[in-house]
């Protein structure tokens, strides 16, 4: 029976890896997701086979039912615009689960429950459980804050205690690690160890809150990826404690992929991970439409008819999608408009910034949903050299990733962040509801440039109006 369980585990994490490979492109992503899901189902079956105590089956089946009831509806009905929040919530649940597993393992093998069977816990159980408890708790509470900021339950601006922030975080980490050392060395006897574990979980939980609260909304996608990596590492540690091969391998896959993604996103924003964890970037507020200096210039409004004429007689149009397109669910309208332009001989491309939207690949998925050719989607490095040869750049709800201040203004919070060179196009048309700033909470001088015009309104309605004008030309 043990051999069967191990074989099933090996097959399951092989499916995890194969499924992950499918996520490298939109054409294979759905299939990859199903393959990985089947692997997880196989791992659950293997775990059920491994359960010797049939008295626990009622609890196990009950947990599976609760998980399905709570997991399926949000996954099925959450809009694409809210997918980052869902990822943060699910990741938090994973971290919290690992912390609870560590807690249960502690109760089952140490002082408080020695009244039951008096087992002597091994080193790998102690170290694995304590590491999983700390990291899992940080991930759970940190993910809740990330969810709250993305859902706008909490303000997107940094929330902290000033200069005391980092010393306080360090103190909380020291308390959590010290409690783990006390438990691990058995320096406390009997029921007192239980209180040390409570202290560990509480300190780690507060640390998770205090680490994410000072981080601004613009950095939230990176934070989610980082927390996802931490959850994977904690799951691997819990797998060591439980001697569960599937948990170890799956946790390491999640941890490694999350770490790679976090590093890539940080580079795309020209930000170091320590700087992101230190917080302070991304206010999420509303910058004034007319401030000092260059910002005193007024934005120039345009109409759907003028926008249609400009694009109809262009040789090349580059569409720059952002969160505004996602909110309006305008991707299908954009595809229809692009088809009309292509029928008139206009070449249409899509410029994708690595952190456009609220999570990596956000824009790619939306456009693929509208059956936009993947070949037409150009990554930032490939498309930036095209803008100076482009007649019209159509920006749909993208703010921070098109901000030329990142290249030109050394005082800007996003200075040095790679952006799309939209300002180099001959003409720029920006679709926005208002002059409000983006998620980073800073103004965009592109909106006031002489060659930029603003088409205000809901992105889907605005694109639809442009499409109707194109049909009449």
Protein backbone atom coordinates (compact mmCIF):
# COMPACT_ATOMS: atom_id res chain seq x y z
CA UNK A 1 0.00 0.00 0.00
CA UNK A 2 2.86 2.38 0.80
CA UNK A 3 4.41 1.69 -2.60
CA UNK A 4 1.10 2.52 -4.30
CA UNK A 5 0.85 5.81 -2.39
CA UNK A 6 4.41 6.76 -3.36
CA UNK A 7 3.77 5.92 -7.02
CA UNK A 8 0.62 8.06 -7.03
CA UNK A 9 2.56 10.92 -5.44
CA UNK A 10 5.27 10.69 -8.09
CA UNK A 11 2.67 10.73 -10.87
CA UNK A 12 0.86 13.66 -9.24
CA UNK A 13 3.87 15.96 -8.99
CA UNK A 14 4.94 14.96 -12.50
CA UNK A 15 1.51 16.24 -13.58
CA UNK A 16 2.13 19.43 -11.57
CA UNK A 17 5.31 20.09 -13.54
CA UNK A 18 3.75 19.20 -16.89
CA UNK A 19 0.73 21.38 -16.13
CA UNK A 20 3.00 24.28 -15.18
CA UNK A 21 4.75 23.97 -18.53
CA UNK A 22 1.36 24.48 -20.20
CA UNK A 23 0.96 27.86 -18.52
CA UNK A 24 3.70 29.37 -20.68
CA UNK A 25 1.18 30.37 -23.37
CA UNK A 26 -2.54 31.18 -23.62
CA UNK A 27 -3.19 28.39 -26.12
CA UNK A 28 -2.05 25.69 -23.69
CA UNK A 29 -2.87 27.41 -20.38
CA UNK A 30 -6.34 25.91 -19.93
CA UNK A 31 -5.08 22.41 -20.66
CA UNK A 32 -2.12 22.94 -18.31
CA UNK A 33 -4.48 24.06 -15.56
CA UNK A 34 -6.61 20.95 -15.97
CA UNK A 35 -3.54 18.70 -15.93
CA UNK A 36 -2.27 20.28 -12.72
CA UNK A 37 -5.74 20.06 -11.17
CA UNK A 38 -5.91 16.36 -12.03
CA UNK A 39 -2.49 15.93 -10.41
CA UNK A 40 -3.77 17.57 -7.24
CA UNK A 41 -6.83 15.31 -7.28
CA UNK A 42 -4.54 12.29 -7.60
CA UNK A 43 -2.48 13.54 -4.64
CA UNK A 44 -5.65 13.83 -2.55
CA UNK A 45 -6.61 10.26 -3.48
CA UNK A 46 -3.14 9.03 -2.51
CA UNK A 47 -3.39 10.80 0.84
CA UNK A 48 -6.79 9.24 1.51
CA UNK A 49 -5.35 5.81 0.75
CA UNK A 50 -2.51 6.52 3.19
CA UNK A 51 -4.92 7.33 6.03
CA UNK A 52 -4.94 4.36 8.40
CA UNK A 53 -7.34 5.69 11.00
CA UNK A 54 -10.81 5.44 9.46
CA UNK A 55 -12.22 7.44 12.38
CA UNK A 56 -10.83 10.55 10.67
CA UNK A 57 -12.64 9.93 7.39
CA UNK A 58 -15.69 11.96 8.43
CA UNK A 59 -13.49 14.97 9.15
CA UNK A 60 -11.57 14.48 5.90
CA UNK A 61 -14.68 14.21 3.74
CA UNK A 62 -16.21 17.15 5.59
CA UNK A 63 -13.11 19.23 4.87
CA UNK A 64 -13.23 18.31 1.18
CA UNK A 65 -16.89 19.33 0.95
CA UNK A 66 -16.25 22.65 2.69
CA UNK A 67 -13.27 23.32 0.42
CA UNK A 68 -15.31 22.66 -2.72
CA UNK A 69 -18.23 24.79 -1.53
CA UNK A 70 -15.97 27.71 -0.62
CA UNK A 71 -13.55 27.39 -3.55
CA UNK A 72 -15.66 26.77 -6.65
CA UNK A 73 -18.09 29.76 -6.60
CA UNK A 74 -15.46 32.53 -6.35
CA UNK A 75 -13.25 30.81 -8.95
CA UNK A 76 -16.21 30.47 -11.30
CA UNK A 77 -17.89 33.85 -10.88
CA UNK A 78 -15.04 36.24 -10.06
CA UNK A 79 -14.50 38.71 -12.89
CA UNK A 80 -11.13 38.88 -14.59
CA UNK A 81 -10.60 42.36 -13.13
CA UNK A 82 -10.78 40.89 -9.62
CA UNK A 83 -8.56 37.88 -10.34
CA UNK A 84 -5.56 39.35 -8.47
CA UNK A 85 -7.69 39.61 -5.32
CA UNK A 86 -8.78 36.01 -5.77
CA UNK A 87 -5.16 34.90 -6.17
CA UNK A 88 -4.24 36.79 -2.99
CA UNK A 89 -7.15 35.22 -1.10
CA UNK A 90 -6.42 31.67 -2.28
CA UNK A 91 -2.75 32.12 -1.53
CA UNK A 92 -3.64 33.32 1.96
CA UNK A 93 -5.79 30.26 2.50
CA UNK A 94 -2.82 28.10 1.50
CA UNK A 95 -0.52 29.84 3.96
CA UNK A 96 -3.12 29.64 6.73
CA UNK A 97 -3.61 25.95 6.05
CA UNK A 98 0.10 25.30 6.40
CA UNK A 99 0.16 27.22 9.71
CA UNK A 100 -2.77 25.12 10.97
CA UNK A 101 -1.03 21.91 9.89
CA UNK A 102 2.06 23.00 11.82
CA UNK A 103 -0.13 23.79 14.83
CA UNK A 104 -1.81 20.37 14.64
CA UNK A 105 1.54 18.61 14.28
CA UNK A 106 2.80 20.50 17.32
CA UNK A 107 -0.19 19.40 19.38
CA UNK A 108 0.28 15.84 18.19
CA UNK A 109 3.96 15.47 18.97
CA UNK A 110 5.00 17.82 21.79
CA UNK A 111 4.41 18.66 25.43
CA UNK A 112 0.73 19.62 25.37
CA UNK A 113 -0.45 16.29 23.96
CA UNK A 114 2.14 14.03 25.56
CA UNK A 115 -0.74 13.04 27.78
CA UNK A 116 -2.05 11.07 24.79
CA UNK A 117 0.89 9.05 23.55
CA UNK A 118 4.15 10.66 24.68
CA UNK A 119 5.90 10.41 21.28
CA UNK A 120 9.32 11.96 21.00
CA UNK A 121 9.27 14.26 17.95
CA UNK A 122 12.17 14.00 15.51
CA UNK A 123 14.33 16.94 14.44
CA UNK A 124 12.81 17.20 10.97
CA UNK A 125 9.30 17.30 12.44
CA UNK A 126 10.24 20.07 14.89
CA UNK A 127 12.19 22.23 12.42
CA UNK A 128 9.75 21.68 9.56
CA UNK A 129 6.70 22.43 11.69
CA UNK A 130 8.15 25.56 13.27
CA UNK A 131 9.40 26.96 9.93
CA UNK A 132 6.02 26.22 8.34
CA UNK A 133 4.21 27.88 11.25
CA UNK A 134 6.20 31.12 10.94
CA UNK A 135 6.15 31.44 7.14
CA UNK A 136 2.57 30.16 6.76
CA UNK A 137 1.29 32.65 9.32
CA UNK A 138 3.16 35.55 7.67
CA UNK A 139 1.76 34.54 4.29
CA UNK A 140 -1.83 34.21 5.56
CA UNK A 141 -2.07 37.57 7.29
CA UNK A 142 0.01 39.35 4.65
CA UNK A 143 -2.25 38.00 1.89
CA UNK A 144 -5.31 39.30 3.71
CA UNK A 145 -3.84 42.80 3.63
CA UNK A 146 -2.94 42.42 -0.05
CA UNK A 147 -6.51 41.30 -0.76
CA UNK A 148 -7.90 44.26 1.18
CA UNK A 149 -5.78 46.76 -0.74
CA UNK A 150 -6.58 45.30 -4.14
CA UNK A 151 -10.29 45.12 -3.29
CA UNK A 152 -10.05 48.70 -1.99
CA UNK A 153 -11.37 47.65 1.42
CA UNK A 154 -8.13 49.15 2.71
CA UNK A 155 -6.52 52.28 1.25
CA UNK A 156 -3.90 51.59 -1.42
CA UNK A 157 -1.50 54.11 0.08
CA UNK A 158 1.29 52.92 2.40
CA UNK A 159 0.18 52.52 6.03
CA UNK A 160 3.00 52.36 8.55
CA UNK A 161 4.55 53.76 11.69
CA UNK A 162 7.33 55.78 10.09
CA UNK A 163 10.89 55.20 11.22
CA UNK A 164 9.76 52.61 13.76
CA UNK A 165 8.47 50.32 10.99
CA UNK A 166 11.62 48.33 10.27
CA UNK A 167 12.75 48.02 13.93
CA UNK A 168 9.25 46.82 14.83
CA UNK A 169 9.29 44.24 12.04
CA UNK A 170 12.71 43.04 13.13
CA UNK A 171 11.52 42.75 16.74
CA UNK A 172 8.51 40.66 15.69
CA UNK A 173 10.75 38.36 13.63
CA UNK A 174 13.13 37.94 16.57
CA UNK A 175 10.22 37.08 18.89
CA UNK A 176 8.85 34.47 16.45
CA UNK A 177 12.28 32.88 15.90
CA UNK A 178 13.09 32.97 19.64
CA UNK A 179 9.82 31.19 20.44
CA UNK A 180 10.67 28.58 17.80
CA UNK A 181 14.14 28.07 19.33
CA UNK A 182 12.65 27.64 22.81
CA UNK A 183 10.21 25.03 21.52
CA UNK A 184 12.84 23.29 19.42
CA UNK A 185 15.35 22.99 22.23
CA UNK A 186 12.68 21.80 24.63
CA UNK A 187 13.60 24.58 27.07
CA UNK A 188 10.01 24.65 28.29
CA UNK A 189 8.12 21.75 29.80
CA UNK A 190 4.57 20.50 29.55
CA UNK A 191 1.76 22.93 28.82
CA UNK A 192 4.11 25.97 28.77
CA UNK A 193 5.27 24.95 25.30
CA UNK A 194 1.75 25.50 24.11
CA UNK A 195 2.00 29.19 25.03
CA UNK A 196 5.33 29.51 23.24
CA UNK A 197 3.65 28.19 20.10
CA UNK A 198 0.82 30.70 20.50
CA UNK A 199 3.42 33.48 20.86
CA UNK A 200 5.16 32.26 17.69
CA UNK A 201 1.95 32.28 15.65
CA UNK A 202 0.82 35.67 16.97
CA UNK A 203 4.21 37.33 16.39
CA UNK A 204 4.46 35.89 12.87
CA UNK A 205 0.87 36.93 12.10
CA UNK A 206 1.44 40.52 13.22
CA UNK A 207 4.67 40.53 11.21
CA UNK A 208 2.70 39.52 8.12
CA UNK A 209 0.35 42.46 8.67
CA UNK A 210 3.14 44.93 9.39
CA UNK A 211 5.20 43.91 6.36
CA UNK A 212 2.39 44.38 3.81
CA UNK A 213 0.56 47.40 5.27
CA UNK A 214 3.34 49.89 4.42
CA UNK A 215 3.58 48.66 0.83
CA UNK A 216 1.71 50.81 -1.68
CA UNK A 217 -0.86 49.59 -4.15
CA UNK A 218 1.47 49.79 -7.14
CA UNK A 219 3.69 47.11 -5.63
CA UNK A 220 0.83 44.73 -4.77
CA UNK A 221 1.32 42.42 -7.79
CA UNK A 222 4.92 41.83 -6.71
CA UNK A 223 3.84 41.32 -3.11
CA UNK A 224 1.28 38.69 -4.13
CA UNK A 225 3.95 36.82 -6.06
CA UNK A 226 6.35 37.02 -3.10
CA UNK A 227 3.71 35.77 -0.65
CA UNK A 228 2.90 32.97 -3.07
CA UNK A 229 6.56 31.92 -3.00
CA UNK A 230 6.55 32.00 0.80
CA UNK A 231 3.43 29.83 0.91
CA UNK A 232 5.16 27.28 -1.32
CA UNK A 233 8.22 27.16 0.92
CA UNK A 234 6.07 26.76 4.03
CA UNK A 235 4.14 23.92 2.35
CA UNK A 236 7.43 22.17 1.52
CA UNK A 237 8.52 22.53 5.15
CA UNK A 238 5.22 21.09 6.33
CA UNK A 239 5.74 18.23 3.89
CA UNK A 240 9.07 17.48 5.56
CA UNK A 241 7.38 17.40 8.94
CA UNK A 242 4.65 15.08 7.66
CA UNK A 243 7.03 13.02 5.47
CA UNK A 244 4.71 13.78 2.55
CA UNK A 245 6.50 13.66 -0.80
CA UNK A 246 3.75 15.42 -2.74
CA UNK A 247 3.71 18.39 -0.37
CA UNK A 248 7.49 18.71 -0.49
CA UNK A 249 7.68 18.68 -4.30
CA UNK A 250 4.56 20.82 -4.87
CA UNK A 251 5.73 23.33 -2.27
CA UNK A 252 9.16 23.61 -3.86
CA UNK A 253 7.61 24.08 -7.32
CA UNK A 254 5.40 26.89 -6.02
CA UNK A 255 8.25 28.41 -4.04
CA UNK A 256 10.70 28.31 -6.95
CA UNK A 257 8.26 29.58 -9.59
CA UNK A 258 6.99 32.30 -7.25
CA UNK A 259 10.53 33.43 -6.52
CA UNK A 260 11.43 33.58 -10.23
CA UNK A 261 8.25 35.51 -11.03
CA UNK A 262 8.82 37.93 -8.15
CA UNK A 263 12.34 38.63 -9.37
CA UNK A 264 11.18 39.19 -12.96
CA UNK A 265 8.42 41.57 -11.86
CA UNK A 266 10.75 43.50 -9.60
CA UNK A 267 13.17 43.94 -12.51
CA UNK A 268 10.30 45.08 -14.74
CA UNK A 269 9.59 47.84 -12.21
CA UNK A 270 13.28 48.58 -11.59
CA UNK A 271 12.69 47.79 -7.94
CA UNK A 272 14.65 45.55 -5.61
CA UNK A 273 12.68 43.05 -3.53
CA UNK A 274 14.10 44.47 -0.26
CA UNK A 275 12.95 47.94 -1.37
CA UNK A 276 9.46 46.59 -2.04
CA UNK A 277 9.31 44.86 1.35
CA UNK A 278 10.52 48.09 2.98
CA UNK A 279 7.39 49.71 1.51
CA UNK A 280 6.54 53.25 0.58
CA UNK A 281 5.91 53.08 -3.17
CA UNK A 282 2.46 53.44 -4.68
CA UNK A 283 -0.05 55.74 -3.06
CA UNK A 284 -3.13 54.58 -4.92
CA UNK A 285 -4.60 58.05 -4.44
CA UNK A 286 -5.68 60.73 -6.88
CA UNK A 287 -3.07 63.08 -8.17
CA UNK A 288 -4.29 66.51 -9.22
CA UNK A 289 -5.01 67.07 -12.90
CA UNK A 290 -3.30 70.42 -12.78
CA UNK A 291 -0.48 70.85 -10.35
CA UNK A 292 2.72 72.85 -10.44
CA UNK A 293 5.10 73.29 -13.33
CA UNK A 294 4.30 71.27 -16.42
CA UNK A 295 1.13 69.89 -14.84
CA UNK A 296 -0.54 73.32 -15.16
CA UNK A 297 -1.14 72.58 -18.83
CA UNK A 298 -4.64 71.43 -19.66
CA UNK A 299 -5.36 68.07 -21.21
CA UNK A 300 -6.81 68.22 -24.71
CA UNK A 301 -10.10 66.36 -25.22
CA UNK A 302 -11.07 64.63 -28.47
CA UNK A 303 -14.08 62.87 -29.93
CA UNK A 304 -14.69 59.35 -31.20
CA UNK A 305 -14.98 60.73 -34.75
CA UNK A 306 -11.58 62.45 -34.60
CA UNK A 307 -9.97 59.34 -33.09
CA UNK A 308 -11.46 57.18 -35.85
CA UNK A 309 -10.16 59.47 -38.58
CA UNK A 310 -6.65 59.53 -37.12
CA UNK A 311 -6.47 55.75 -36.92
CA UNK A 312 -8.17 55.05 -40.24
CA UNK A 313 -5.49 56.97 -42.14
CA UNK A 314 -2.57 55.64 -40.12
CA UNK A 315 -0.03 53.10 -41.33
CA UNK A 316 0.47 51.59 -37.87
CA UNK A 317 -1.55 51.76 -34.67
CA UNK A 318 -0.29 50.36 -31.37
CA UNK A 319 -2.91 49.59 -28.74
CA UNK A 320 -1.66 49.87 -25.16
CA UNK A 321 -4.08 48.05 -22.84
CA UNK A 322 -4.21 48.67 -19.10
CA UNK A 323 -6.40 48.14 -16.08
CA UNK A 324 -9.05 50.47 -17.53
CA UNK A 325 -9.63 48.02 -20.36
CA UNK A 326 -9.98 45.20 -17.86
CA UNK A 327 -12.46 47.13 -15.71
CA UNK A 328 -14.63 48.01 -18.72
CA UNK A 329 -14.28 44.50 -20.21
CA UNK A 330 -13.48 46.24 -23.49
CA UNK A 331 -11.25 43.56 -25.03
CA UNK A 332 -13.90 42.26 -27.44
CA UNK A 333 -14.74 45.81 -28.58
CA UNK A 334 -11.02 46.45 -29.11
CA UNK A 335 -10.74 43.32 -31.23
CA UNK A 336 -13.69 44.44 -33.40
CA UNK A 337 -12.17 47.90 -33.83
CA UNK A 338 -8.78 46.41 -34.74
CA UNK A 339 -10.41 44.16 -37.35
CA UNK A 340 -11.95 47.20 -39.05
CA UNK A 341 -8.60 49.01 -39.05
CA UNK A 342 -6.82 45.98 -40.50
CA UNK A 343 -9.47 45.75 -43.21
CA UNK A 344 -8.48 49.33 -44.16
CA UNK A 345 -4.82 48.31 -44.41
CA UNK A 346 -3.73 49.59 -41.01
CA UNK A 347 -1.25 47.42 -39.10
CA UNK A 348 -2.40 46.94 -35.49
CA UNK A 349 -0.14 45.77 -32.67
CA UNK A 350 -0.64 45.46 -28.92
CA UNK A 351 2.03 46.67 -26.49
CA UNK A 352 2.10 44.61 -23.28
CA UNK A 353 3.95 45.88 -20.22
CA UNK A 354 5.01 43.12 -17.77
CA UNK A 355 3.05 44.65 -14.89
CA UNK A 356 0.12 46.19 -16.78
CA UNK A 357 -3.11 45.53 -14.91
CA UNK A 358 -2.93 43.95 -11.50
CA UNK A 359 -0.96 40.77 -12.15
CA UNK A 360 1.49 39.34 -14.71
CA UNK A 361 -0.19 38.24 -17.93
CA UNK A 362 -3.40 40.11 -17.08
CA UNK A 363 -3.58 41.86 -20.46
CA UNK A 364 -2.45 38.79 -22.41
CA UNK A 365 -5.27 36.72 -20.94
CA UNK A 366 -7.90 39.38 -21.64
CA UNK A 367 -6.82 39.82 -25.25
CA UNK A 368 -6.52 36.07 -25.80
CA UNK A 369 -10.08 35.77 -24.47
CA UNK A 370 -11.13 38.08 -27.33
CA UNK A 371 -9.18 35.86 -29.77
CA UNK A 372 -6.52 38.47 -30.48
CA UNK A 373 -3.60 36.76 -32.22
CA UNK A 374 -0.79 36.07 -29.78
CA UNK A 375 1.67 37.17 -32.47
CA UNK A 376 0.13 40.65 -32.39
CA UNK A 377 0.88 40.98 -28.65
CA UNK A 378 4.32 42.49 -28.30
CA UNK A 379 6.30 42.52 -25.07
CA UNK A 380 7.78 45.82 -23.90
CA UNK A 381 11.34 45.13 -25.07
CA UNK A 382 10.13 44.12 -28.53
CA UNK A 383 7.70 46.99 -29.10
CA UNK A 384 9.46 50.01 -27.58
CA UNK A 385 11.52 50.54 -30.73
CA UNK A 386 8.30 50.65 -32.77
CA UNK A 387 6.69 53.71 -31.17
CA UNK A 388 8.80 56.30 -33.01
CA UNK A 389 7.54 54.75 -36.27
CA UNK A 390 3.93 54.61 -35.10
CA UNK A 391 1.27 57.04 -36.30
CA UNK A 392 -1.18 56.53 -33.44
CA UNK A 393 -0.76 54.97 -30.00
CA UNK A 394 -4.11 54.16 -28.43
CA UNK A 395 -3.78 53.93 -24.64
CA UNK A 396 -6.74 52.22 -22.96
CA UNK A 397 -6.69 52.83 -19.23
CA UNK A 398 -2.93 52.44 -18.77
CA UNK A 399 -1.31 55.00 -16.49
CA UNK A 400 1.92 54.21 -14.69
CA UNK A 401 3.35 51.91 -17.39
CA UNK A 402 3.20 54.75 -19.96
CA UNK A 403 4.51 57.52 -17.70
CA UNK A 404 7.56 59.21 -19.29
CA UNK A 405 8.51 60.59 -15.86
CA UNK A 406 10.02 57.16 -15.22
CA UNK A 407 12.69 58.07 -17.79
CA UNK A 408 12.95 61.83 -17.36
CA UNK A 409 12.11 62.91 -13.81
CA UNK A 410 14.71 61.87 -11.24
CA UNK A 411 12.38 63.04 -8.45
CA UNK A 412 9.57 60.73 -9.55
CA UNK A 413 8.85 57.69 -7.31
CA UNK A 414 8.90 55.51 -10.43
CA UNK A 415 12.12 56.94 -11.89
CA UNK A 416 14.11 54.14 -13.51
CA UNK A 417 11.10 51.87 -13.97
CA UNK A 418 11.01 50.58 -17.57
CA UNK A 419 7.91 51.96 -19.31
CA UNK A 420 6.36 51.79 -22.76
CA UNK A 421 7.68 54.61 -24.98
CA UNK A 422 4.17 55.75 -25.89
CA UNK A 423 5.19 59.43 -25.86
CA UNK A 424 7.42 58.79 -28.89
CA UNK A 425 4.44 58.03 -31.17
CA UNK A 426 3.39 60.77 -33.62
CA UNK A 427 -0.04 60.96 -32.01
CA UNK A 428 -1.36 59.57 -28.73
CA UNK A 429 -5.02 58.98 -27.88
CA UNK A 430 -5.75 58.12 -24.25
CA UNK A 431 -9.03 56.51 -23.20
CA UNK A 432 -9.83 57.28 -19.55
CA UNK A 433 -12.84 57.92 -17.37
CA UNK A 434 -11.20 60.96 -15.77
CA UNK A 435 -7.85 62.59 -15.08
CA UNK A 436 -7.34 60.50 -11.94
CA UNK A 437 -3.90 59.01 -11.45
CA UNK A 438 -3.00 55.35 -11.72
CA UNK A 439 -2.40 52.84 -8.97
CA UNK A 440 0.96 54.40 -8.08
CA UNK A 441 -0.87 57.60 -7.17
CA UNK A 442 1.23 59.92 -9.34
CA UNK A 443 0.36 62.16 -12.26
CA UNK A 444 1.30 61.33 -15.86
CA UNK A 445 2.73 64.20 -17.95
CA UNK A 446 1.94 62.23 -21.12
CA UNK A 447 -1.71 63.28 -20.71
CA UNK A 448 -0.77 66.96 -21.12
CA UNK A 449 1.61 66.57 -24.06
CA UNK A 450 0.86 68.56 -27.23
CA UNK A 451 0.46 65.42 -29.34
CA UNK A 452 -1.85 63.69 -26.82
CA UNK A 453 -5.62 63.90 -26.81
CA UNK A 454 -8.02 62.43 -24.24
CA UNK A 455 -11.19 60.50 -25.06
CA UNK A 456 -13.10 60.48 -21.78
CA UNK A 457 -15.64 57.85 -20.80
CA UNK A 458 -16.04 54.13 -20.21
CA UNK A 459 -13.45 52.33 -22.33
CA UNK A 460 -15.90 49.84 -23.81
CA UNK A 461 -18.36 52.57 -24.84
CA UNK A 462 -15.58 54.78 -26.17
CA UNK A 463 -14.10 51.98 -28.30
CA UNK A 464 -17.59 51.10 -29.50
CA UNK A 465 -18.17 54.70 -30.54
CA UNK A 466 -14.86 54.74 -32.43
CA UNK A 467 -15.83 51.48 -34.14
CA UNK A 468 -19.11 52.95 -35.33
CA UNK A 469 -17.28 55.97 -36.74
CA UNK A 470 -14.84 53.65 -38.54
CA UNK A 471 -17.76 51.83 -40.15
CA UNK A 472 -19.04 55.13 -41.50
CA UNK A 473 -15.73 56.10 -43.12
